[in-house]
Amino acid sequence: MNISKGAYKVKKGLFIIAALLIGAGLDAQQLPVYSQYLFNKYLINPAVAGSDGYTSLNLTTRQQWTGYQGAPQTYSLSYNGRILKQKYSIRENLFDKKVFKPHTEGRVGFGGTVFSDINGLVRRTGFSTSYAYHIWLRGGTQLSLGLAFTGYHYKIDQRQIQFENPDEPWLNTDFRKGIFVPDFNFGAYLLNRKYAIGFSVQELMEGFVRAGSQAYNDLKIQRSYYLFGNYDFEPDNKNLIQPSVMLKMSEQLRPQADIGITWSYDNKIWIGTTFRTGSAIIANVGVRRDRLFLGYSFDFTLNAIQMSTYGSHEFIVAVRFGDTPRKYRWLDRY
């Protein structure tokens, strides 16, 4: 594959197929990468929807490997919340009078995401809609299970390709116009005042993208697994130290781990760092103003393309609604 005047010159279908699955010949990345997943875990686990009692609206933009042609770009807008119901219980006091005590209940969470992911020559736009069910266990622990229906539209950017043979038979008409691939995601999430543990599976059905004929006919989208956890240390009522780890795996690619630590002060500012095995060192900062949250992260690349890139940048803007500090005071984090 030769690059000339901002376009890809293709001799064989093998190179464009590789671009679909490994991002123009770089490390494999079928799904978007997020460095600030701790502040919107819903992006990688549908069970998180409504788990903290908030109704949240989150915008995330990511420019990966800045300066490298064909590097991934991701834009996502997500929304999730919990269906809360006001109920009343009847109690009798010492004077035999009935007292109505209001309380809030709700076990169902919901959410949705729309996103655009540009990776090499392939543009993928998609959506997801999810349902979560929350169960209170002993000791103030909550177990959540979630299922999401997803849909992806794959399309090749033909404006960036110069074919030696314009009638290349391996690239079919459907892929030129765009292909829709439905799938499902599943997640489980355990939440406590001190810790959180989550496990999710994305691309449960492992859909196929038909890109051409013969050897390049069907491209299987690999199932991905996420396992993450974090623990809260509170030296006092102002400071919070939160170590975290996330392990990402797929059925054909080597596992990748994010190991990080974040410090938060008065639930208004936070600073953190993460080591992503074989890939990057990440720094992130953020501020909170009432219901508005702003975050930024920078990834310093450690792999072979380090000399050709200026790192990766990610921004998040989040707004959270609902009188949840009184309903779920111990869950009021970030």
C-alpha atoms as a PDB file:
ATOM      1  CA  MET A   1       0.000   0.000   0.000  1.00  0.00           C
ATOM      2  CA  ASN A   2       1.533   3.269  -1.121  1.00  0.00           C
ATOM      3  CA  ILE A   3       0.322   6.612   0.176  1.00  0.00           C
ATOM      4  CA  SER A   4       0.287   9.455  -2.329  1.00  0.00           C
ATOM      5  CA  LYS A   5      -1.367  12.868  -2.029  1.00  0.00           C
ATOM      6  CA  GLY A   6      -3.468  11.767   0.913  1.00  0.00           C
ATOM      7  CA  ALA A   7      -4.898   8.726  -0.889  1.00  0.00           C
ATOM      8  CA  TYR A   8      -4.327   4.985  -0.550  1.00  0.00           C
ATOM      9  CA  LYS A   9      -3.192   3.202  -3.721  1.00  0.00           C
ATOM     10  CA  VAL A  10      -4.407  -0.384  -3.576  1.00  0.00           C
ATOM     11  CA  LYS A  11      -3.074  -3.294  -5.638  1.00  0.00           C
ATOM     12  CA  LYS A  12      -4.720  -6.181  -3.807  1.00  0.00           C
ATOM     13  CA  GLY A  13      -7.813  -6.567  -1.674  1.00  0.00           C
ATOM     14  CA  LEU A  14      -5.758  -7.973   1.169  1.00  0.00           C
ATOM     15  CA  PHE A  15      -4.568  -4.533   2.191  1.00  0.00           C
ATOM     16  CA  ILE A  16      -8.015  -2.977   2.451  1.00  0.00           C
ATOM     17  CA  ILE A  17      -9.298  -6.007   4.341  1.00  0.00           C
ATOM     18  CA  ALA A  18      -6.464  -5.534   6.802  1.00  0.00           C
ATOM     19  CA  ALA A  19      -7.448  -1.886   7.079  1.00  0.00           C
ATOM     20  CA  LEU A  20     -10.951  -2.923   8.129  1.00  0.00           C
ATOM     21  CA  LEU A  21      -9.842  -5.163  10.972  1.00  0.00           C
ATOM     22  CA  ILE A  22      -6.535  -3.685  12.136  1.00  0.00           C
ATOM     23  CA  GLY A  23      -6.741   0.005  11.292  1.00  0.00           C
ATOM     24  CA  ALA A  24      -4.426   0.456   8.304  1.00  0.00           C
ATOM     25  CA  GLY A  25      -1.934  -2.165   9.371  1.00  0.00           C
ATOM     26  CA  LEU A  26      -1.572  -1.052  13.005  1.00  0.00           C
ATOM     27  CA  ASP A  27      -2.440  -2.919  16.188  1.00  0.00           C
ATOM     28  CA  ALA A  28      -5.864  -4.501  16.076  1.00  0.00           C
ATOM     29  CA  GLN A  29      -8.744  -2.279  17.106  1.00  0.00           C
ATOM     30  CA  GLN A  30     -12.170  -3.450  16.096  1.00  0.00           C
ATOM     31  CA  LEU A  31     -13.898  -1.507  18.876  1.00  0.00           C
ATOM     32  CA  PRO A  32     -13.275   2.096  19.947  1.00  0.00           C
ATOM     33  CA  VAL A  33     -10.655   2.642  22.654  1.00  0.00           C
ATOM     34  CA  TYR A  34     -11.467   4.881  25.639  1.00  0.00           C
ATOM     35  CA  SER A  35      -8.913   6.142  28.156  1.00  0.00           C
ATOM     36  CA  GLN A  36     -11.457   7.690  30.559  1.00  0.00           C
ATOM     37  CA  TYR A  37     -13.773   4.696  30.836  1.00  0.00           C
ATOM     38  CA  LEU A  38     -13.935   5.138  34.643  1.00  0.00           C
ATOM     39  CA  PHE A  39     -16.066   8.245  34.176  1.00  0.00           C
ATOM     40  CA  ASN A  40     -18.497   6.577  31.780  1.00  0.00           C
ATOM     41  CA  LYS A  41     -18.374   2.825  32.287  1.00  0.00           C
ATOM     42  CA  TYR A  42     -21.636   2.533  30.409  1.00  0.00           C
ATOM     43  CA  LEU A  43     -19.674   2.754  27.139  1.00  0.00           C
ATOM     44  CA  ILE A  44     -18.172  -0.682  27.781  1.00  0.00           C
ATOM     45  CA  ASN A  45     -20.834  -2.323  29.971  1.00  0.00           C
ATOM     46  CA  PRO A  46     -24.634  -2.078  29.468  1.00  0.00           C
ATOM     47  CA  ALA A  47     -25.303  -3.189  33.064  1.00  0.00           C
ATOM     48  CA  VAL A  48     -24.011   0.181  34.305  1.00  0.00           C
ATOM     49  CA  ALA A  49     -27.130   1.935  32.952  1.00  0.00           C
ATOM     50  CA  GLY A  50     -28.818   3.643  35.904  1.00  0.00           C
ATOM     51  CA  SER A  51     -26.676   1.841  38.482  1.00  0.00           C
ATOM     52  CA  ASP A  52     -25.825   5.032  40.404  1.00  0.00           C
ATOM     53  CA  GLY A  53     -29.310   6.553  40.261  1.00  0.00           C
ATOM     54  CA  TYR A  54     -28.244   9.403  38.000  1.00  0.00           C
ATOM     55  CA  THR A  55     -29.586  10.313  34.608  1.00  0.00           C
ATOM     56  CA  SER A  56     -26.413  11.054  32.638  1.00  0.00           C
ATOM     57  CA  LEU A  57     -25.659  12.573  29.257  1.00  0.00           C
ATOM     58  CA  ASN A  58     -22.054  12.083  28.102  1.00  0.00           C
ATOM     59  CA  LEU A  59     -20.169  13.310  25.042  1.00  0.00           C
ATOM     60  CA  THR A  60     -16.775  11.749  24.284  1.00  0.00           C
ATOM     61  CA  THR A  61     -14.405  12.673  21.463  1.00  0.00           C
ATOM     62  CA  ARG A  62     -11.116  10.910  20.815  1.00  0.00           C
ATOM     63  CA  GLN A  63      -8.335  11.558  18.335  1.00  0.00           C
ATOM     64  CA  GLN A  64      -5.911   8.637  18.439  1.00  0.00           C
ATOM     65  CA  TRP A  65      -2.296   8.832  17.229  1.00  0.00           C
ATOM     66  CA  THR A  66      -2.494  12.488  16.203  1.00  0.00           C
ATOM     67  CA  GLY A  67      -0.450  13.173  13.073  1.00  0.00           C
ATOM     68  CA  TYR A  68      -0.657   9.615  11.743  1.00  0.00           C
ATOM     69  CA  GLN A  69      -2.646   9.301   8.535  1.00  0.00           C
ATOM     70  CA  GLY A  70      -5.635   6.996   8.880  1.00  0.00           C
ATOM     71  CA  ALA A  71      -5.475   6.964  12.687  1.00  0.00           C
ATOM     72  CA  PRO A  72      -8.720   6.160  14.557  1.00  0.00           C
ATOM     73  CA  GLN A  73     -11.142   8.961  15.450  1.00  0.00           C
ATOM     74  CA  THR A  74     -14.100   8.302  17.723  1.00  0.00           C
ATOM     75  CA  TYR A  75     -17.138  10.410  18.632  1.00  0.00           C
ATOM     76  CA  SER A  76     -19.831   9.085  20.961  1.00  0.00           C
ATOM     77  CA  LEU A  77     -22.919  10.462  22.678  1.00  0.00           C
ATOM     78  CA  SER A  78     -24.457   8.312  25.401  1.00  0.00           C
ATOM     79  CA  TYR A  79     -27.440   8.583  27.717  1.00  0.00           C
ATOM     80  CA  ASN A  80     -28.421   6.371  30.632  1.00  0.00           C
ATOM     81  CA  GLY A  81     -30.636   6.553  33.682  1.00  0.00           C
ATOM     82  CA  ARG A  82     -32.840   4.692  36.105  1.00  0.00           C
ATOM     83  CA  ILE A  83     -36.603   4.483  36.309  1.00  0.00           C
ATOM     84  CA  LEU A  84     -37.294   5.657  39.868  1.00  0.00           C
ATOM     85  CA  LYS A  85     -40.704   5.391  41.489  1.00  0.00           C
ATOM     86  CA  GLN A  86     -41.962   7.244  44.536  1.00  0.00           C
ATOM     87  CA  LYS A  87     -43.664   4.913  46.994  1.00  0.00           C
ATOM     88  CA  TYR A  88     -45.090   5.243  50.491  1.00  0.00           C
ATOM     89  CA  SER A  89     -45.066   2.879  53.439  1.00  0.00           C
ATOM     90  CA  ILE A  90     -47.432   3.007  56.396  1.00  0.00           C
ATOM     91  CA  ARG A  91     -46.026   2.953  59.918  1.00  0.00           C
ATOM     92  CA  GLU A  92     -47.702   3.362  63.302  1.00  0.00           C
ATOM     93  CA  ASN A  93     -46.113   5.481  66.023  1.00  0.00           C
ATOM     94  CA  LEU A  94     -46.496   5.271  69.785  1.00  0.00           C
ATOM     95  CA  PHE A  95     -49.712   7.263  69.694  1.00  0.00           C
ATOM     96  CA  ASP A  96     -51.332   4.795  67.294  1.00  0.00           C
ATOM     97  CA  LYS A  97     -51.272   7.232  64.431  1.00  0.00           C
ATOM     98  CA  LYS A  98     -50.484   6.174  60.901  1.00  0.00           C
ATOM     99  CA  VAL A  99     -47.505   7.872  59.330  1.00  0.00           C
ATOM    100  CA  PHE A 100     -46.832   7.728  55.599  1.00  0.00           C
ATOM    101  CA  LYS A 101     -43.101   7.453  54.866  1.00  0.00           C
ATOM    102  CA  PRO A 102     -42.087   8.259  51.284  1.00  0.00           C
ATOM    103  CA  HIS A 103     -39.217   6.314  49.723  1.00  0.00           C
ATOM    104  CA  THR A 104     -37.804   5.762  46.290  1.00  0.00           C
ATOM    105  CA  GLU A 105     -37.602   2.435  44.523  1.00  0.00           C
ATOM    106  CA  GLY A 106     -36.599   1.353  41.057  1.00  0.00           C
ATOM    107  CA  ARG A 107     -34.803  -1.642  39.633  1.00  0.00           C
ATOM    108  CA  VAL A 108     -34.800  -0.878  35.916  1.00  0.00           C
ATOM    109  CA  GLY A 109     -32.073   1.036  34.096  1.00  0.00           C
ATOM    110  CA  PHE A 110     -32.011   2.104  30.466  1.00  0.00           C
ATOM    111  CA  GLY A 111     -29.623   3.764  28.068  1.00  0.00           C
ATOM    112  CA  GLY A 112     -28.546   4.424  24.521  1.00  0.00           C
ATOM    113  CA  THR A 113     -25.481   5.406  22.527  1.00  0.00           C
ATOM    114  CA  VAL A 114     -24.776   6.778  19.073  1.00  0.00           C
ATOM    115  CA  PHE A 115     -21.235   6.938  17.762  1.00  0.00           C
ATOM    116  CA  SER A 116     -18.989   7.369  14.755  1.00  0.00           C
ATOM    117  CA  ASP A 117     -15.655   5.582  14.502  1.00  0.00           C
ATOM    118  CA  ILE A 118     -13.232   6.277  11.645  1.00  0.00           C
ATOM    119  CA  ASN A 119     -10.419   3.739  11.450  1.00  0.00           C
ATOM    120  CA  GLY A 120      -8.153   3.815   8.418  1.00  0.00           C
ATOM    121  CA  LEU A 121     -10.259   3.566   5.273  1.00  0.00           C
ATOM    122  CA  VAL A 122     -13.333   2.331   7.093  1.00  0.00           C
ATOM    123  CA  ARG A 123     -16.037   4.475   8.674  1.00  0.00           C
ATOM    124  CA  ARG A 124     -18.310   2.812  11.180  1.00  0.00           C
ATOM    125  CA  THR A 125     -21.374   4.518  12.596  1.00  0.00           C
ATOM    126  CA  GLY A 126     -23.658   2.829  15.033  1.00  0.00           C
ATOM    127  CA  PHE A 127     -26.080   2.875  17.913  1.00  0.00           C
ATOM    128  CA  SER A 128     -27.003   0.787  20.919  1.00  0.00           C
ATOM    129  CA  THR A 129     -29.996   0.639  23.198  1.00  0.00           C
ATOM    130  CA  SER A 130     -29.825  -1.174  26.515  1.00  0.00           C
ATOM    131  CA  TYR A 131     -31.852  -2.529  29.407  1.00  0.00           C
ATOM    132  CA  ALA A 132     -30.442  -3.164  32.892  1.00  0.00           C
ATOM    133  CA  TYR A 133     -31.922  -4.736  36.000  1.00  0.00           C
ATOM    134  CA  HIS A 134     -30.541  -3.868  39.453  1.00  0.00           C
ATOM    135  CA  ILE A 135     -30.730  -6.149  42.493  1.00  0.00           C
ATOM    136  CA  TRP A 136     -29.811  -5.082  46.024  1.00  0.00           C
ATOM    137  CA  LEU A 137     -27.772  -7.653  47.935  1.00  0.00           C
ATOM    138  CA  ARG A 138     -26.658  -7.720  51.556  1.00  0.00           C
ATOM    139  CA  GLY A 139     -24.249  -5.143  52.895  1.00  0.00           C
ATOM    140  CA  GLY A 140     -25.332  -2.328  50.597  1.00  0.00           C
ATOM    141  CA  THR A 141     -24.082  -4.110  47.478  1.00  0.00           C
ATOM    142  CA  GLN A 142     -25.897  -3.884  44.170  1.00  0.00           C
ATOM    143  CA  LEU A 143     -25.777  -6.473  41.375  1.00  0.00           C
ATOM    144  CA  SER A 144     -26.727  -5.284  37.897  1.00  0.00           C
ATOM    145  CA  LEU A 145     -27.304  -7.269  34.712  1.00  0.00           C
ATOM    146  CA  GLY A 146     -27.640  -5.601  31.333  1.00  0.00           C
ATOM    147  CA  LEU A 147     -28.267  -6.428  27.687  1.00  0.00           C
ATOM    148  CA  ALA A 148     -27.821  -4.106  24.721  1.00  0.00           C
ATOM    149  CA  PHE A 149     -28.883  -4.356  21.100  1.00  0.00           C
ATOM    150  CA  THR A 150     -26.358  -2.761  18.774  1.00  0.00           C
ATOM    151  CA  GLY A 151     -26.267  -1.900  15.107  1.00  0.00           C
ATOM    152  CA  TYR A 152     -23.216  -0.919  13.046  1.00  0.00           C
ATOM    153  CA  HIS A 153     -23.014   0.527   9.557  1.00  0.00           C
ATOM    154  CA  TYR A 154     -19.686  -0.147   7.836  1.00  0.00           C
ATOM    155  CA  LYS A 155     -18.638   1.835   4.797  1.00  0.00           C
ATOM    156  CA  ILE A 156     -15.347   2.233   2.983  1.00  0.00           C
ATOM    157  CA  ASP A 157     -14.162   5.762   2.190  1.00  0.00           C
ATOM    158  CA  GLN A 158     -13.593   5.420  -1.541  1.00  0.00           C
ATOM    159  CA  ARG A 159     -12.404   9.010  -1.819  1.00  0.00           C
ATOM    160  CA  GLN A 160      -9.119   7.949  -0.218  1.00  0.00           C
ATOM    161  CA  ILE A 161      -8.485   4.992  -2.531  1.00  0.00           C
ATOM    162  CA  GLN A 162      -6.895   4.891  -5.976  1.00  0.00           C
ATOM    163  CA  PHE A 163      -7.473   1.507  -7.619  1.00  0.00           C
ATOM    164  CA  GLU A 164      -5.092   0.283 -10.290  1.00  0.00           C
ATOM    165  CA  ASN A 165      -8.108  -1.612 -11.577  1.00  0.00           C
ATOM    166  CA  PRO A 166     -11.360   0.331 -10.951  1.00  0.00           C
ATOM    167  CA  ASP A 167     -13.328  -2.919 -11.360  1.00  0.00           C
ATOM    168  CA  GLU A 168     -11.590  -4.786  -8.515  1.00  0.00           C
ATOM    169  CA  PRO A 169     -13.822  -7.890  -8.066  1.00  0.00           C
ATOM    170  CA  TRP A 170     -12.958  -8.450  -4.396  1.00  0.00           C
ATOM    171  CA  LEU A 171     -14.740  -5.275  -3.237  1.00  0.00           C
ATOM    172  CA  ASN A 172     -18.444  -5.855  -3.696  1.00  0.00           C
ATOM    173  CA  THR A 173     -21.106  -3.268  -4.365  1.00  0.00           C
ATOM    174  CA  ASP A 174     -22.721  -3.636  -0.922  1.00  0.00           C
ATOM    175  CA  PHE A 175     -19.502  -2.792   0.891  1.00  0.00           C
ATOM    176  CA  ARG A 176     -18.991   0.238  -1.329  1.00  0.00           C
ATOM    177  CA  LYS A 177     -22.462   1.499  -0.367  1.00  0.00           C
ATOM    178  CA  GLY A 178     -22.347   0.360   3.239  1.00  0.00           C
ATOM    179  CA  ILE A 179     -23.224  -2.729   5.254  1.00  0.00           C
ATOM    180  CA  PHE A 180     -25.407  -2.928   8.372  1.00  0.00           C
ATOM    181  CA  VAL A 181     -24.394  -5.463  11.053  1.00  0.00           C
ATOM    182  CA  PRO A 182     -26.667  -6.095  14.097  1.00  0.00           C
ATOM    183  CA  ASP A 183     -25.333  -7.614  17.320  1.00  0.00           C
ATOM    184  CA  PHE A 184     -25.749  -7.789  21.119  1.00  0.00           C
ATOM    185  CA  ASN A 185     -23.677  -6.864  24.188  1.00  0.00           C
ATOM    186  CA  PHE A 186     -24.046  -8.320  27.686  1.00  0.00           C
ATOM    187  CA  GLY A 187     -22.775  -7.044  31.023  1.00  0.00           C
ATOM    188  CA  ALA A 188     -22.733  -7.731  34.760  1.00  0.00           C
ATOM    189  CA  TYR A 189     -21.809  -5.102  37.344  1.00  0.00           C
ATOM    190  CA  LEU A 190     -21.255  -5.343  41.109  1.00  0.00           C
ATOM    191  CA  LEU A 191     -21.277  -2.030  42.973  1.00  0.00           C
ATOM    192  CA  ASN A 192     -20.559  -1.242  46.607  1.00  0.00           C
ATOM    193  CA  ARG A 193     -19.629   1.838  48.602  1.00  0.00           C
ATOM    194  CA  LYS A 194     -15.966   0.830  48.407  1.00  0.00           C
ATOM    195  CA  TYR A 195     -15.567  -1.048  45.154  1.00  0.00           C
ATOM    196  CA  ALA A 196     -16.953  -1.784  41.708  1.00  0.00           C
ATOM    197  CA  ILE A 197     -16.401  -4.854  39.525  1.00  0.00           C
ATOM    198  CA  GLY A 198     -17.695  -5.263  36.000  1.00  0.00           C
ATOM    199  CA  PHE A 199     -17.610  -7.873  33.253  1.00  0.00           C
ATOM    200  CA  SER A 200     -18.985  -7.454  29.755  1.00  0.00           C
ATOM    201  CA  VAL A 201     -19.008  -9.187  26.392  1.00  0.00           C
ATOM    202  CA  GLN A 202     -19.325  -7.159  23.199  1.00  0.00           C
ATOM    203  CA  GLU A 203     -20.230  -8.536  19.768  1.00  0.00           C
ATOM    204  CA  LEU A 204     -21.937 -11.622  21.206  1.00  0.00           C
ATOM    205  CA  MET A 205     -23.116 -12.820  17.795  1.00  0.00           C
ATOM    206  CA  GLU A 206     -19.763 -12.193  16.087  1.00  0.00           C
ATOM    207  CA  GLY A 207     -21.353 -10.799  12.938  1.00  0.00           C
ATOM    208  CA  PHE A 208     -19.858 -11.056   9.478  1.00  0.00           C
ATOM    209  CA  VAL A 209     -18.991  -8.269   7.070  1.00  0.00           C
ATOM    210  CA  ARG A 210     -19.029  -9.438   3.467  1.00  0.00           C
ATOM    211  CA  ALA A 211     -16.400  -7.354   1.702  1.00  0.00           C
ATOM    212  CA  GLY A 212     -15.762  -9.229  -1.499  1.00  0.00           C
ATOM    213  CA  SER A 213     -15.348 -12.580  -3.153  1.00  0.00           C
ATOM    214  CA  GLN A 214     -13.215 -15.684  -2.880  1.00  0.00           C
ATOM    215  CA  ALA A 215     -10.546 -15.466  -0.144  1.00  0.00           C
ATOM    216  CA  TYR A 216     -11.802 -12.107   1.140  1.00  0.00           C
ATOM    217  CA  ASN A 217     -15.468 -12.980   1.259  1.00  0.00           C
ATOM    218  CA  ASP A 218     -16.486 -12.934   4.938  1.00  0.00           C
ATOM    219  CA  LEU A 219     -14.765 -10.928   7.671  1.00  0.00           C
ATOM    220  CA  LYS A 220     -15.676 -12.052  11.172  1.00  0.00           C
ATOM    221  CA  ILE A 221     -16.052  -9.380  13.850  1.00  0.00           C
ATOM    222  CA  GLN A 222     -14.373 -10.868  16.903  1.00  0.00           C
ATOM    223  CA  ARG A 223     -16.103 -11.088  20.275  1.00  0.00           C
ATOM    224  CA  SER A 224     -14.450  -8.862  22.911  1.00  0.00           C
ATOM    225  CA  TYR A 225     -14.375  -9.243  26.706  1.00  0.00           C
ATOM    226  CA  TYR A 226     -13.922  -6.520  29.330  1.00  0.00           C
ATOM    227  CA  LEU A 227     -13.146  -7.098  33.005  1.00  0.00           C
ATOM    228  CA  PHE A 228     -12.618  -4.056  35.217  1.00  0.00           C
ATOM    229  CA  GLY A 229     -12.517  -3.127  38.869  1.00  0.00           C
ATOM    230  CA  ASN A 230     -11.753  -0.197  41.157  1.00  0.00           C
ATOM    231  CA  TYR A 231     -11.482   0.345  44.907  1.00  0.00           C
ATOM    232  CA  ASP A 232     -11.965   3.576  46.876  1.00  0.00           C
ATOM    233  CA  PHE A 233      -9.617   4.645  49.673  1.00  0.00           C
ATOM    234  CA  GLU A 234     -10.833   7.684  51.618  1.00  0.00           C
ATOM    235  CA  PRO A 235      -8.155   9.104  53.960  1.00  0.00           C
ATOM    236  CA  ASP A 236     -10.642  11.803  55.005  1.00  0.00           C
ATOM    237  CA  ASN A 237     -13.926  13.296  53.852  1.00  0.00           C
ATOM    238  CA  LYS A 238     -12.223  15.405  51.172  1.00  0.00           C
ATOM    239  CA  ASN A 239      -9.704  13.102  49.525  1.00  0.00           C
ATOM    240  CA  LEU A 240     -10.330   9.957  47.514  1.00  0.00           C
ATOM    241  CA  ILE A 241      -7.688   7.631  46.055  1.00  0.00           C
ATOM    242  CA  GLN A 242      -8.959   5.109  43.531  1.00  0.00           C
ATOM    243  CA  PRO A 243      -6.744   2.388  42.029  1.00  0.00           C
ATOM    244  CA  SER A 244      -8.275   0.657  39.021  1.00  0.00           C
ATOM    245  CA  VAL A 245      -7.593  -2.061  36.484  1.00  0.00           C
ATOM    246  CA  MET A 246      -9.230  -3.095  33.221  1.00  0.00           C
ATOM    247  CA  LEU A 247      -8.446  -6.173  31.154  1.00  0.00           C
ATOM    248  CA  LYS A 248      -9.575  -6.320  27.528  1.00  0.00           C
ATOM    249  CA  MET A 249      -9.463  -9.596  25.615  1.00  0.00           C
ATOM    250  CA  SER A 250     -10.651 -11.054  22.337  1.00  0.00           C
ATOM    251  CA  GLU A 251     -10.572 -14.551  20.953  1.00  0.00           C
ATOM    252  CA  GLN A 252      -7.645 -13.990  18.594  1.00  0.00           C
ATOM    253  CA  LEU A 253      -5.735 -11.007  19.983  1.00  0.00           C
ATOM    254  CA  ARG A 254      -3.428 -10.778  22.964  1.00  0.00           C
ATOM    255  CA  PRO A 255      -4.938  -9.385  26.209  1.00  0.00           C
ATOM    256  CA  GLN A 256      -4.388  -5.735  27.052  1.00  0.00           C
ATOM    257  CA  ALA A 257      -4.509  -4.267  30.563  1.00  0.00           C
ATOM    258  CA  ASP A 258      -5.047  -0.725  31.855  1.00  0.00           C
ATOM    259  CA  ILE A 259      -3.581  -0.258  35.347  1.00  0.00           C
ATOM    260  CA  GLY A 260      -4.218   3.154  36.872  1.00  0.00           C
ATOM    261  CA  ILE A 261      -4.705   5.330  39.922  1.00  0.00           C
ATOM    262  CA  THR A 262      -6.818   8.471  40.345  1.00  0.00           C
ATOM    263  CA  TRP A 263      -6.860  11.096  43.092  1.00  0.00           C
ATOM    264  CA  SER A 264      -9.975  13.192  43.649  1.00  0.00           C
ATOM    265  CA  TYR A 265     -10.406  16.181  45.962  1.00  0.00           C
ATOM    266  CA  ASP A 266     -13.783  17.182  47.368  1.00  0.00           C
ATOM    267  CA  ASN A 267     -15.486  15.463  44.435  1.00  0.00           C
ATOM    268  CA  LYS A 268     -14.629  18.549  42.339  1.00  0.00           C
ATOM    269  CA  ILE A 269     -11.263  17.859  40.711  1.00  0.00           C
ATOM    270  CA  TRP A 270      -9.353  14.717  39.799  1.00  0.00           C
ATOM    271  CA  ILE A 271      -5.944  13.775  38.449  1.00  0.00           C
ATOM    272  CA  GLY A 272      -4.876  10.316  37.362  1.00  0.00           C
ATOM    273  CA  THR A 273      -2.430   8.202  35.427  1.00  0.00           C
ATOM    274  CA  THR A 274      -2.733   4.829  33.693  1.00  0.00           C
ATOM    275  CA  PHE A 275      -0.328   2.363  32.129  1.00  0.00           C
ATOM    276  CA  ARG A 276      -1.732   0.494  29.126  1.00  0.00           C
ATOM    277  CA  THR A 277       0.366  -2.602  28.531  1.00  0.00           C
ATOM    278  CA  GLY A 278       2.370  -2.503  25.333  1.00  0.00           C
ATOM    279  CA  SER A 279       0.620   0.623  24.167  1.00  0.00           C
ATOM    280  CA  ALA A 280       0.680   3.873  26.146  1.00  0.00           C
ATOM    281  CA  ILE A 281       1.086   5.863  29.339  1.00  0.00           C
ATOM    282  CA  ILE A 282      -2.016   7.960  30.004  1.00  0.00           C
ATOM    283  CA  ALA A 283      -2.523  11.140  32.043  1.00  0.00           C
ATOM    284  CA  ASN A 284      -5.994  12.503  32.780  1.00  0.00           C
ATOM    285  CA  VAL A 285      -7.459  15.497  34.592  1.00  0.00           C
ATOM    286  CA  GLY A 286     -10.987  16.677  35.225  1.00  0.00           C
ATOM    287  CA  VAL A 287     -13.180  19.184  37.021  1.00  0.00           C
ATOM    288  CA  ARG A 288     -16.744  19.215  38.256  1.00  0.00           C
ATOM    289  CA  ARG A 289     -18.995  22.261  38.467  1.00  0.00           C
ATOM    290  CA  ASP A 290     -22.367  21.420  39.994  1.00  0.00           C
ATOM    291  CA  ARG A 291     -23.879  18.971  37.485  1.00  0.00           C
ATOM    292  CA  LEU A 292     -21.312  19.583  34.738  1.00  0.00           C
ATOM    293  CA  PHE A 293     -18.199  17.396  34.376  1.00  0.00           C
ATOM    294  CA  LEU A 294     -15.227  18.065  32.081  1.00  0.00           C
ATOM    295  CA  GLY A 295     -12.354  15.646  31.519  1.00  0.00           C
ATOM    296  CA  TYR A 296      -9.249  15.383  29.340  1.00  0.00           C
ATOM    297  CA  SER A 297      -6.697  12.633  28.808  1.00  0.00           C
ATOM    298  CA  PHE A 298      -3.441  12.398  26.869  1.00  0.00           C
ATOM    299  CA  ASP A 299      -1.940   9.093  25.751  1.00  0.00           C
ATOM    300  CA  PHE A 300       1.812   8.958  25.211  1.00  0.00           C
ATOM    301  CA  THR A 301       2.322   6.175  22.692  1.00  0.00           C
ATOM    302  CA  LEU A 302       4.864   3.454  23.499  1.00  0.00           C
ATOM    303  CA  ASN A 303       4.609   1.207  20.445  1.00  0.00           C
ATOM    304  CA  ALA A 304       6.339   1.310  17.054  1.00  0.00           C
ATOM    305  CA  ILE A 305       4.445   4.328  15.701  1.00  0.00           C
ATOM    306  CA  GLN A 306       5.642   6.612  18.515  1.00  0.00           C
ATOM    307  CA  MET A 307       8.015   8.448  16.149  1.00  0.00           C
ATOM    308  CA  SER A 308       5.163   9.255  13.751  1.00  0.00           C
ATOM    309  CA  THR A 309       2.522  10.531  16.154  1.00  0.00           C
ATOM    310  CA  TYR A 310       1.931  13.286  18.710  1.00  0.00           C
ATOM    311  CA  GLY A 311      -0.016  11.066  21.078  1.00  0.00           C
ATOM    312  CA  SER A 312      -3.759  10.617  21.548  1.00  0.00           C
ATOM    313  CA  HIS A 313      -6.259  13.136  22.926  1.00  0.00           C
ATOM    314  CA  GLU A 314      -9.629  12.447  24.510  1.00  0.00           C
ATOM    315  CA  PHE A 315     -12.233  14.893  25.841  1.00  0.00           C
ATOM    316  CA  ILE A 316     -15.395  14.193  27.806  1.00  0.00           C
ATOM    317  CA  VAL A 317     -18.289  16.480  28.703  1.00  0.00           C
ATOM    318  CA  ALA A 318     -20.973  15.084  31.001  1.00  0.00           C
ATOM    319  CA  VAL A 319     -24.153  16.403  32.579  1.00  0.00           C
ATOM    320  CA  ARG A 320     -25.924  14.511  35.341  1.00  0.00           C
ATOM    321  CA  PHE A 321     -29.499  15.093  36.427  1.00  0.00           C
ATOM    322  CA  GLY A 322     -31.571  13.967  39.374  1.00  0.00           C
ATOM    323  CA  ASP A 323     -31.651  14.476  43.112  1.00  0.00           C
ATOM    324  CA  THR A 324     -29.510  11.408  43.636  1.00  0.00           C
ATOM    325  CA  PRO A 325     -27.186  12.553  46.453  1.00  0.00           C
ATOM    326  CA  ARG A 326     -30.047  12.000  48.903  1.00  0.00           C
ATOM    327  CA  LYS A 327     -31.268   8.801  47.235  1.00  0.00           C
ATOM    328  CA  TYR A 328     -27.896   7.154  46.696  1.00  0.00           C
ATOM    329  CA  ARG A 329     -25.506   9.212  48.794  1.00  0.00           C
ATOM    330  CA  TRP A 330     -22.805   6.545  48.922  1.00  0.00           C
ATOM    331  CA  LEU A 331     -22.815   6.280  45.121  1.00  0.00           C
ATOM    332  CA  ASP A 332     -22.099   9.979  44.516  1.00  0.00           C
ATOM    333  CA  ARG A 333     -18.734   9.581  42.772  1.00  0.00           C
ATOM    334  CA  TYR A 334     -17.411  11.849  39.988  1.00  0.00           C
END
